N, C-alpha and C. Protein backbone atom coordinates (compact mmCIF):
# COMPACT_ATOMS: atom_id res chain seq x y z
N MET A 1 60.24 -42.74 103.74
CA MET A 1 58.80 -42.65 103.77
C MET A 1 58.26 -44.07 103.63
N THR A 2 57.19 -44.35 104.37
CA THR A 2 56.59 -45.68 104.34
C THR A 2 55.10 -45.59 104.07
N LEU A 3 54.60 -46.39 103.16
CA LEU A 3 53.17 -46.54 102.90
C LEU A 3 52.74 -47.88 103.46
N THR A 4 51.71 -47.88 104.30
CA THR A 4 51.17 -49.12 104.86
C THR A 4 49.67 -49.13 104.64
N ILE A 5 49.14 -50.28 104.20
CA ILE A 5 47.70 -50.42 103.96
C ILE A 5 47.15 -51.48 104.90
N TYR A 6 46.01 -51.14 105.54
CA TYR A 6 45.37 -52.02 106.52
C TYR A 6 43.93 -52.30 106.10
N ASP A 7 43.39 -53.45 106.53
CA ASP A 7 41.97 -53.71 106.32
C ASP A 7 41.19 -53.15 107.52
N GLU A 8 39.88 -53.37 107.53
CA GLU A 8 39.02 -52.82 108.59
C GLU A 8 39.33 -53.38 109.97
N THR A 9 39.92 -54.55 110.04
CA THR A 9 40.24 -55.14 111.33
C THR A 9 41.61 -54.70 111.85
N GLY A 10 42.35 -53.93 111.05
CA GLY A 10 43.67 -53.47 111.46
C GLY A 10 44.79 -54.37 111.00
N ARG A 11 44.48 -55.40 110.24
CA ARG A 11 45.50 -56.31 109.72
C ARG A 11 46.26 -55.63 108.59
N MET A 12 47.59 -55.64 108.67
CA MET A 12 48.39 -55.04 107.62
C MET A 12 48.36 -55.91 106.37
N LEU A 13 48.02 -55.30 105.25
CA LEU A 13 47.92 -56.01 103.97
C LEU A 13 49.12 -55.75 103.07
N TYR A 14 49.73 -54.57 103.22
CA TYR A 14 50.79 -54.18 102.29
C TYR A 14 51.64 -53.09 102.94
N SER A 15 52.93 -53.12 102.66
CA SER A 15 53.83 -52.08 103.15
C SER A 15 54.94 -51.88 102.13
N GLN A 16 55.28 -50.61 101.90
CA GLN A 16 56.34 -50.28 100.95
C GLN A 16 57.10 -49.08 101.48
N GLU A 17 58.43 -49.15 101.42
CA GLU A 17 59.27 -48.03 101.83
C GLU A 17 59.92 -47.41 100.61
N GLY A 18 60.21 -46.12 100.70
CA GLY A 18 60.88 -45.45 99.61
C GLY A 18 61.65 -44.24 100.10
N GLU A 19 62.67 -43.88 99.37
CA GLU A 19 63.47 -42.69 99.64
C GLU A 19 63.07 -41.63 98.62
N PHE A 20 62.62 -40.49 99.10
CA PHE A 20 62.14 -39.43 98.21
C PHE A 20 62.78 -38.11 98.55
N ALA A 21 62.92 -37.26 97.56
CA ALA A 21 63.39 -35.88 97.75
C ALA A 21 62.19 -35.02 98.11
N LYS A 22 62.43 -33.79 98.52
CA LYS A 22 61.34 -32.85 98.79
C LYS A 22 60.52 -32.63 97.53
N GLY A 23 59.23 -32.35 97.72
CA GLY A 23 58.37 -32.08 96.59
C GLY A 23 57.32 -33.15 96.41
N TYR A 24 56.70 -33.18 95.25
CA TYR A 24 55.65 -34.14 94.95
C TYR A 24 56.26 -35.52 94.78
N ASN A 25 55.67 -36.51 95.43
CA ASN A 25 56.11 -37.90 95.32
C ASN A 25 54.89 -38.80 95.24
N ALA A 26 55.08 -40.01 94.72
CA ALA A 26 53.96 -40.93 94.59
C ALA A 26 54.44 -42.37 94.76
N PHE A 27 53.57 -43.18 95.36
CA PHE A 27 53.77 -44.62 95.41
C PHE A 27 52.91 -45.22 94.32
N THR A 28 53.40 -46.24 93.64
CA THR A 28 52.62 -46.96 92.66
C THR A 28 52.23 -48.29 93.28
N LEU A 29 50.93 -48.58 93.23
CA LEU A 29 50.41 -49.77 93.87
C LEU A 29 49.64 -50.59 92.85
N ASN A 30 49.96 -51.86 92.76
CA ASN A 30 49.26 -52.78 91.87
C ASN A 30 48.11 -53.40 92.65
N ARG A 31 46.94 -53.41 92.08
CA ARG A 31 45.75 -53.97 92.75
C ARG A 31 45.97 -55.40 93.21
N ALA A 32 46.72 -56.19 92.47
CA ALA A 32 46.97 -57.59 92.83
C ALA A 32 47.81 -57.71 94.10
N GLU A 33 48.61 -56.69 94.42
CA GLU A 33 49.43 -56.74 95.62
C GLU A 33 48.60 -56.67 96.90
N VAL A 34 47.50 -55.94 96.85
CA VAL A 34 46.62 -55.82 98.02
C VAL A 34 45.66 -56.99 98.06
N ASN A 35 45.11 -57.36 96.91
CA ASN A 35 44.28 -58.56 96.74
C ASN A 35 43.09 -58.64 97.69
N THR A 36 42.39 -57.53 97.87
CA THR A 36 41.17 -57.51 98.66
C THR A 36 40.31 -56.35 98.21
N ALA A 37 39.06 -56.36 98.62
CA ALA A 37 38.15 -55.27 98.27
C ALA A 37 37.45 -54.81 99.54
N GLY A 38 36.86 -53.63 99.47
CA GLY A 38 36.14 -53.09 100.61
C GLY A 38 36.81 -51.83 101.13
N VAL A 39 36.52 -51.49 102.38
CA VAL A 39 37.09 -50.31 103.00
C VAL A 39 38.49 -50.65 103.51
N LEU A 40 39.45 -49.86 103.09
CA LEU A 40 40.84 -50.03 103.50
C LEU A 40 41.34 -48.72 104.07
N TYR A 41 42.38 -48.78 104.85
CA TYR A 41 42.99 -47.60 105.43
C TYR A 41 44.46 -47.58 105.03
N TYR A 42 44.97 -46.39 104.70
CA TYR A 42 46.39 -46.30 104.39
C TYR A 42 47.03 -45.23 105.25
N LYS A 43 48.29 -45.47 105.55
CA LYS A 43 49.08 -44.55 106.38
C LYS A 43 50.38 -44.26 105.66
N VAL A 44 50.72 -42.99 105.55
CA VAL A 44 52.00 -42.57 105.01
C VAL A 44 52.78 -41.95 106.16
N ALA A 45 53.97 -42.46 106.41
CA ALA A 45 54.76 -41.99 107.55
C ALA A 45 56.17 -41.61 107.11
N THR A 46 56.65 -40.51 107.68
CA THR A 46 58.05 -40.09 107.50
C THR A 46 58.70 -40.17 108.87
N ALA A 47 59.94 -39.74 108.95
CA ALA A 47 60.65 -39.76 110.22
C ALA A 47 60.02 -38.81 111.23
N THR A 48 59.33 -37.77 110.76
CA THR A 48 58.78 -36.76 111.67
C THR A 48 57.26 -36.66 111.68
N ASP A 49 56.59 -37.14 110.66
CA ASP A 49 55.14 -36.96 110.54
C ASP A 49 54.49 -38.21 109.97
N SER A 50 53.16 -38.28 110.14
CA SER A 50 52.39 -39.35 109.50
C SER A 50 50.97 -38.87 109.27
N GLY A 51 50.31 -39.52 108.35
CA GLY A 51 48.91 -39.22 108.07
C GLY A 51 48.22 -40.47 107.59
N SER A 52 46.92 -40.58 107.88
CA SER A 52 46.19 -41.76 107.43
C SER A 52 44.83 -41.34 106.87
N MET A 53 44.34 -42.14 105.94
CA MET A 53 43.07 -41.88 105.28
C MET A 53 42.38 -43.19 104.97
N LYS A 54 41.10 -43.09 104.67
CA LYS A 54 40.29 -44.25 104.30
C LYS A 54 40.13 -44.26 102.79
N MET A 55 40.09 -45.45 102.21
CA MET A 55 39.82 -45.59 100.77
C MET A 55 38.93 -46.80 100.56
N VAL A 56 38.26 -46.83 99.42
CA VAL A 56 37.40 -47.96 99.07
C VAL A 56 37.98 -48.61 97.83
N GLU A 57 38.26 -49.89 97.95
CA GLU A 57 38.76 -50.68 96.83
C GLU A 57 37.64 -51.54 96.30
N MET A 58 37.32 -51.39 95.02
CA MET A 58 36.25 -52.18 94.40
C MET A 58 36.85 -53.15 93.42
N LYS A 59 36.31 -54.33 93.38
CA LYS A 59 36.79 -55.35 92.43
C LYS A 59 35.96 -55.34 91.19
């Protein structure tokens, strides 16, 4: 599974991969790793599916 975070222009800001078992899983993200504020988009992708959403990061 891969988590990727993009800014409004589509520039990739952060990416993290992980191996997870079936069930509830979570990525832990430190605010300093992204180091930006405003509207951001994140995408979670597996080998067969993906989904993306918008989030707002405030400083």
